[in-house]
């Protein structure tokens, strides 16, 4: 159940990014957006730790600010991977990816605050 909630939160955050950020677009319904959220989540679970390992010195030098660049790259990477699955999600350029990643992070954080940690 927790996985499904996280997937819905990510999909909602991606939807907000498509509405707020020029250069990020999605054509399709909510089911497809859940697919994009799944692609984004899988990439963050598999690719992101590898990239973090190899870019660790940049994290140290920038005092963690390189996280924003890594988040932007992950959002940009979700675009061609989602397209490979027939999902029409597109991120055009680094600036759109950067601002979109910030929006996705903030919206995901805010929505996660509304969900209790444990089901009782």
Protein backbone atom coordinates (compact mmCIF):
# COMPACT_ATOMS: atom_id res chain seq x y z
CA UNK A 1 0.00 0.00 0.00
CA UNK A 2 2.86 2.37 0.83
CA UNK A 3 4.32 1.83 -2.66
CA UNK A 4 1.02 2.81 -4.29
CA UNK A 5 0.77 5.96 -2.17
CA UNK A 6 4.32 6.99 -3.10
CA UNK A 7 3.55 6.32 -6.76
CA UNK A 8 0.45 8.53 -6.62
CA UNK A 9 2.37 11.29 -4.84
CA UNK A 10 5.12 11.18 -7.47
CA UNK A 11 2.56 11.23 -10.28
CA UNK A 12 0.85 14.24 -8.72
CA UNK A 13 4.19 16.03 -8.33
CA UNK A 14 5.07 15.32 -11.96
CA UNK A 15 1.65 16.61 -13.02
CA UNK A 16 2.25 19.86 -11.13
CA UNK A 17 5.65 20.20 -12.82
CA UNK A 18 4.04 19.80 -16.24
CA UNK A 19 1.60 22.59 -15.40
CA UNK A 20 4.08 25.01 -13.82
CA UNK A 21 7.32 24.56 -15.76
CA UNK A 22 7.62 25.56 -19.40
CA UNK A 23 9.58 22.83 -21.15
CA UNK A 24 8.04 19.88 -19.32
CA UNK A 25 5.02 18.35 -20.98
CA UNK A 26 2.86 15.28 -20.75
CA UNK A 27 0.09 14.13 -23.06
CA UNK A 28 -2.17 11.43 -21.73
CA UNK A 29 -4.29 10.40 -18.77
CA UNK A 30 -3.61 9.59 -15.15
CA UNK A 31 -2.78 5.96 -15.85
CA UNK A 32 0.02 7.01 -18.17
CA UNK A 33 1.23 9.54 -15.63
CA UNK A 34 1.41 6.73 -13.07
CA UNK A 35 3.59 4.93 -15.62
CA UNK A 36 5.87 7.97 -15.86
CA UNK A 37 6.03 8.09 -12.05
CA UNK A 38 6.97 4.41 -12.02
CA UNK A 39 9.74 5.00 -14.57
CA UNK A 40 10.98 7.98 -12.54
CA UNK A 41 10.93 5.94 -9.34
CA UNK A 42 12.77 2.98 -10.85
CA UNK A 43 15.44 5.28 -12.29
CA UNK A 44 15.85 6.96 -8.89
CA UNK A 45 16.15 3.56 -7.22
CA UNK A 46 18.67 2.06 -9.67
CA UNK A 47 20.58 4.77 -11.54
CA UNK A 48 20.73 7.49 -8.90
CA UNK A 49 22.81 5.54 -6.33
CA UNK A 50 25.38 4.71 -9.01
CA UNK A 51 25.61 8.33 -10.12
CA UNK A 52 25.83 9.48 -6.50
CA UNK A 53 28.75 7.14 -5.93
CA UNK A 54 30.68 8.42 -8.94
CA UNK A 55 29.92 12.08 -8.27
CA UNK A 56 30.58 11.97 -4.53
CA UNK A 57 33.56 14.37 -4.77
CA UNK A 58 31.28 16.95 -6.42
CA UNK A 59 28.84 16.60 -3.54
CA UNK A 60 31.65 17.34 -1.10
CA UNK A 61 33.05 20.26 -3.06
CA UNK A 62 29.63 21.91 -3.50
CA UNK A 63 28.50 21.07 0.04
CA UNK A 64 25.60 19.04 -1.30
CA UNK A 65 24.35 21.54 -3.87
CA UNK A 66 25.23 19.11 -6.67
CA UNK A 67 22.11 17.22 -5.54
CA UNK A 68 20.06 19.72 -7.54
CA UNK A 69 22.00 18.89 -10.70
CA UNK A 70 21.61 15.16 -10.07
CA UNK A 71 17.86 15.57 -9.51
CA UNK A 72 17.58 17.51 -12.77
CA UNK A 73 19.49 14.79 -14.61
CA UNK A 74 17.20 12.09 -13.22
CA UNK A 75 14.11 13.99 -14.37
CA UNK A 76 15.64 14.56 -17.80
CA UNK A 77 16.57 10.87 -18.04
CA UNK A 78 12.99 9.88 -17.26
CA UNK A 79 11.89 11.58 -20.48
CA UNK A 80 13.57 9.26 -23.05
CA UNK A 81 12.99 6.17 -20.92
CA UNK A 82 9.28 6.97 -20.62
CA UNK A 83 9.15 7.61 -24.37
CA UNK A 84 10.62 4.14 -24.93
CA UNK A 85 7.55 2.76 -23.16
CA UNK A 86 5.21 4.84 -25.30
CA UNK A 87 4.54 7.47 -22.62
CA UNK A 88 4.45 11.02 -23.94
CA UNK A 89 6.43 12.75 -21.21
CA UNK A 90 9.03 15.24 -22.37
CA UNK A 91 11.62 17.41 -20.66
CA UNK A 92 13.25 19.96 -22.96
CA UNK A 93 16.59 21.28 -21.72
CA UNK A 94 18.53 21.50 -18.51
CA UNK A 95 16.74 24.59 -17.20
CA UNK A 96 13.35 22.88 -17.46
CA UNK A 97 14.78 19.75 -15.83
CA UNK A 98 16.36 21.78 -13.03
CA UNK A 99 13.24 23.77 -12.15
CA UNK A 100 11.04 20.74 -12.71
CA UNK A 101 13.11 18.67 -10.30
CA UNK A 102 12.74 21.41 -7.68
CA UNK A 103 8.97 21.48 -8.17
CA UNK A 104 8.71 17.68 -8.02
CA UNK A 105 10.80 17.62 -4.82
CA UNK A 106 8.79 20.33 -3.07
CA UNK A 107 5.37 18.97 -4.09
CA UNK A 108 6.38 15.41 -3.16
CA UNK A 109 7.60 16.62 0.22
CA UNK A 110 4.42 18.59 0.90
CA UNK A 111 2.13 15.73 -0.14
CA UNK A 112 4.18 13.26 1.90
CA UNK A 113 3.60 15.42 4.97
CA UNK A 114 -0.14 14.77 4.61
CA UNK A 115 0.31 10.99 4.74
CA UNK A 116 0.86 9.36 8.14
CA UNK A 117 4.03 7.29 8.49
CA UNK A 118 2.31 4.09 9.61
CA UNK A 119 -1.08 2.60 9.18
CA UNK A 120 -2.72 1.89 12.52
